[in-house]
């Protein structure tokens, strides 16, 4: 009989079929998502809470706040480490809808919204 073997690395798969199936219903990232969705970002002082009519679209401040809170709750402080988590962590992929903000965008969000984050 042999050993239990995994799939070949070159085998095409549809991983995951539905990302939502990988996150339990009572998981912490669902709480973060629901909490941030209830906030009024403009009233809290988040800059660019309404998208501009011109220029390249930026990241939604609520998505970056979700990432910031997730990092805080999981003791991930570095913007470079948060950037890496966006590419490898299924929980963060679910939370951000597979967005991959770069470390500069994450650090800039922290710098610009220091007071707004504490108000949230």
C-alpha atoms as a PDB file:
ATOM      1  CA  UNK A   1       0.000   0.000   0.000  1.00  0.00           C
ATOM      2  CA  UNK A   2       2.152   3.144   0.303  1.00  0.00           C
ATOM      3  CA  UNK A   3       1.840   6.474   1.942  1.00  0.00           C
ATOM      4  CA  UNK A   4      -0.990   8.936   1.640  1.00  0.00           C
ATOM      5  CA  UNK A   5       0.091  11.342  -1.060  1.00  0.00           C
ATOM      6  CA  UNK A   6      -0.984  14.903  -1.760  1.00  0.00           C
ATOM      7  CA  UNK A   7      -1.885  16.290  -5.141  1.00  0.00           C
ATOM      8  CA  UNK A   8       0.814  17.133  -7.646  1.00  0.00           C
ATOM      9  CA  UNK A   9       2.003  20.733  -7.567  1.00  0.00           C
ATOM     10  CA  UNK A  10       1.294  21.138 -11.274  1.00  0.00           C
ATOM     11  CA  UNK A  11      -2.214  19.704 -10.981  1.00  0.00           C
ATOM     12  CA  UNK A  12      -4.846  22.314 -11.777  1.00  0.00           C
ATOM     13  CA  UNK A  13      -7.461  22.660  -9.038  1.00  0.00           C
ATOM     14  CA  UNK A  14     -10.203  25.058  -8.151  1.00  0.00           C
ATOM     15  CA  UNK A  15      -8.948  25.984  -4.695  1.00  0.00           C
ATOM     16  CA  UNK A  16     -11.096  26.964  -2.959  1.00  0.00           C
ATOM     17  CA  UNK A  17     -14.371  26.592  -4.736  1.00  0.00           C
ATOM     18  CA  UNK A  18     -15.959  29.045  -2.297  1.00  0.00           C
ATOM     19  CA  UNK A  19     -13.677  30.986   0.025  1.00  0.00           C
ATOM     20  CA  UNK A  20     -16.526  31.444   2.480  1.00  0.00           C
ATOM     21  CA  UNK A  21     -16.578  27.683   3.159  1.00  0.00           C
ATOM     22  CA  UNK A  22     -13.084  27.847   4.679  1.00  0.00           C
ATOM     23  CA  UNK A  23     -13.992  30.373   7.407  1.00  0.00           C
ATOM     24  CA  UNK A  24     -16.119  29.068  10.315  1.00  0.00           C
ATOM     25  CA  UNK A  25     -19.308  30.963  11.124  1.00  0.00           C
ATOM     26  CA  UNK A  26     -18.007  32.028  14.541  1.00  0.00           C
ATOM     27  CA  UNK A  27     -14.523  33.096  13.434  1.00  0.00           C
ATOM     28  CA  UNK A  28     -12.961  36.351  14.641  1.00  0.00           C
ATOM     29  CA  UNK A  29     -12.533  37.765  11.130  1.00  0.00           C
ATOM     30  CA  UNK A  30     -16.309  37.622  10.625  1.00  0.00           C
ATOM     31  CA  UNK A  31     -16.696  39.740  13.764  1.00  0.00           C
ATOM     32  CA  UNK A  32     -14.156  42.278  12.464  1.00  0.00           C
ATOM     33  CA  UNK A  33     -15.956  42.384   9.106  1.00  0.00           C
ATOM     34  CA  UNK A  34     -19.376  42.932  10.689  1.00  0.00           C
ATOM     35  CA  UNK A  35     -18.024  45.560  13.106  1.00  0.00           C
ATOM     36  CA  UNK A  36     -16.303  47.662  10.441  1.00  0.00           C
ATOM     37  CA  UNK A  37     -19.315  47.444   8.134  1.00  0.00           C
ATOM     38  CA  UNK A  38     -21.456  49.128  10.811  1.00  0.00           C
ATOM     39  CA  UNK A  39     -19.107  52.133  11.182  1.00  0.00           C
ATOM     40  CA  UNK A  40     -19.725  55.462   9.490  1.00  0.00           C
ATOM     41  CA  UNK A  41     -16.269  56.070   8.078  1.00  0.00           C
ATOM     42  CA  UNK A  42     -16.872  59.752   7.187  1.00  0.00           C
ATOM     43  CA  UNK A  43     -18.095  60.628  10.658  1.00  0.00           C
ATOM     44  CA  UNK A  44     -15.058  58.996  12.281  1.00  0.00           C
ATOM     45  CA  UNK A  45     -12.674  61.089  10.198  1.00  0.00           C
ATOM     46  CA  UNK A  46     -11.379  58.600   7.654  1.00  0.00           C
ATOM     47  CA  UNK A  47      -9.968  60.447   4.644  1.00  0.00           C
ATOM     48  CA  UNK A  48     -11.179  59.394   1.215  1.00  0.00           C
ATOM     49  CA  UNK A  49     -14.151  57.511   2.620  1.00  0.00           C
ATOM     50  CA  UNK A  50     -15.987  58.645  -0.510  1.00  0.00           C
ATOM     51  CA  UNK A  51     -14.250  57.713  -3.793  1.00  0.00           C
ATOM     52  CA  UNK A  52     -12.836  60.509  -5.949  1.00  0.00           C
ATOM     53  CA  UNK A  53     -14.154  61.130  -9.445  1.00  0.00           C
ATOM     54  CA  UNK A  54     -10.704  61.339 -11.020  1.00  0.00           C
ATOM     55  CA  UNK A  55      -7.407  59.510 -10.743  1.00  0.00           C
ATOM     56  CA  UNK A  56      -6.637  55.912  -9.928  1.00  0.00           C
ATOM     57  CA  UNK A  57      -9.096  54.410  -7.453  1.00  0.00           C
ATOM     58  CA  UNK A  58      -7.672  53.843  -4.001  1.00  0.00           C
ATOM     59  CA  UNK A  59      -8.408  51.165  -1.452  1.00  0.00           C
ATOM     60  CA  UNK A  60     -11.588  51.525   0.532  1.00  0.00           C
ATOM     61  CA  UNK A  61     -10.648  52.750   4.028  1.00  0.00           C
ATOM     62  CA  UNK A  62     -12.990  50.180   5.548  1.00  0.00           C
ATOM     63  CA  UNK A  63     -10.979  47.360   3.915  1.00  0.00           C
ATOM     64  CA  UNK A  64      -7.716  48.762   5.257  1.00  0.00           C
ATOM     65  CA  UNK A  65      -9.294  49.222   8.688  1.00  0.00           C
ATOM     66  CA  UNK A  66     -10.336  45.558   8.636  1.00  0.00           C
ATOM     67  CA  UNK A  67      -6.754  44.598   7.841  1.00  0.00           C
ATOM     68  CA  UNK A  68      -5.424  46.901  10.562  1.00  0.00           C
ATOM     69  CA  UNK A  69      -7.785  45.466  13.193  1.00  0.00           C
ATOM     70  CA  UNK A  70      -7.047  41.908  12.115  1.00  0.00           C
ATOM     71  CA  UNK A  71      -3.335  42.593  12.466  1.00  0.00           C
ATOM     72  CA  UNK A  72      -3.832  44.188  15.865  1.00  0.00           C
ATOM     73  CA  UNK A  73      -5.864  41.250  17.177  1.00  0.00           C
ATOM     74  CA  UNK A  74      -3.302  38.752  15.849  1.00  0.00           C
ATOM     75  CA  UNK A  75      -0.260  40.752  17.003  1.00  0.00           C
ATOM     76  CA  UNK A  76       0.915  41.550  13.485  1.00  0.00           C
ATOM     77  CA  UNK A  77       2.282  45.086  13.622  1.00  0.00           C
ATOM     78  CA  UNK A  78       4.520  45.334  10.558  1.00  0.00           C
ATOM     79  CA  UNK A  79       2.991  46.665   7.340  1.00  0.00           C
ATOM     80  CA  UNK A  80       5.294  44.350   5.361  1.00  0.00           C
ATOM     81  CA  UNK A  81       4.071  41.383   7.371  1.00  0.00           C
ATOM     82  CA  UNK A  82       0.450  42.418   6.818  1.00  0.00           C
ATOM     83  CA  UNK A  83       1.180  42.611   3.101  1.00  0.00           C
ATOM     84  CA  UNK A  84       2.536  39.057   3.220  1.00  0.00           C
ATOM     85  CA  UNK A  85      -0.523  37.872   5.167  1.00  0.00           C
ATOM     86  CA  UNK A  86      -2.761  39.177   2.371  1.00  0.00           C
ATOM     87  CA  UNK A  87      -1.121  36.735  -0.030  1.00  0.00           C
ATOM     88  CA  UNK A  88      -0.843  33.660   2.196  1.00  0.00           C
ATOM     89  CA  UNK A  89      -3.500  33.785   4.914  1.00  0.00           C
ATOM     90  CA  UNK A  90      -6.927  32.494   3.914  1.00  0.00           C
ATOM     91  CA  UNK A  91      -8.600  34.461   6.712  1.00  0.00           C
ATOM     92  CA  UNK A  92      -7.223  37.748   5.374  1.00  0.00           C
ATOM     93  CA  UNK A  93      -8.113  36.750   1.816  1.00  0.00           C
ATOM     94  CA  UNK A  94     -11.704  36.269   2.964  1.00  0.00           C
ATOM     95  CA  UNK A  95     -11.713  39.491   4.985  1.00  0.00           C
ATOM     96  CA  UNK A  96     -10.432  41.683   2.143  1.00  0.00           C
ATOM     97  CA  UNK A  97     -11.990  39.871  -0.802  1.00  0.00           C
ATOM     98  CA  UNK A  98      -8.525  38.869  -2.034  1.00  0.00           C
ATOM     99  CA  UNK A  99      -7.172  42.399  -2.163  1.00  0.00           C
ATOM    100  CA  UNK A 100      -3.397  42.691  -1.894  1.00  0.00           C
ATOM    101  CA  UNK A 101      -2.500  46.192  -0.698  1.00  0.00           C
ATOM    102  CA  UNK A 102       1.223  46.894  -0.670  1.00  0.00           C
ATOM    103  CA  UNK A 103       3.074  47.757   2.537  1.00  0.00           C
ATOM    104  CA  UNK A 104       3.316  51.436   1.606  1.00  0.00           C
ATOM    105  CA  UNK A 105      -0.474  51.741   1.300  1.00  0.00           C
ATOM    106  CA  UNK A 106      -0.913  50.010   4.660  1.00  0.00           C
ATOM    107  CA  UNK A 107       1.671  52.226   6.365  1.00  0.00           C
ATOM    108  CA  UNK A 108       0.193  55.363   4.790  1.00  0.00           C
ATOM    109  CA  UNK A 109      -3.278  54.381   6.016  1.00  0.00           C
ATOM    110  CA  UNK A 110      -1.923  54.008   9.553  1.00  0.00           C
ATOM    111  CA  UNK A 111      -0.146  57.341   9.394  1.00  0.00           C
ATOM    112  CA  UNK A 112      -3.095  59.288   7.989  1.00  0.00           C
ATOM    113  CA  UNK A 113      -5.769  57.769  10.242  1.00  0.00           C
ATOM    114  CA  UNK A 114      -4.102  57.531  13.617  1.00  0.00           C
ATOM    115  CA  UNK A 115      -6.834  59.539  15.379  1.00  0.00           C
ATOM    116  CA  UNK A 116      -9.711  57.999  13.415  1.00  0.00           C
ATOM    117  CA  UNK A 117      -8.628  54.465  14.312  1.00  0.00           C
ATOM    118  CA  UNK A 118      -8.608  55.278  18.027  1.00  0.00           C
ATOM    119  CA  UNK A 119     -12.054  56.886  17.659  1.00  0.00           C
ATOM    120  CA  UNK A 120     -13.435  53.701  16.073  1.00  0.00           C
END
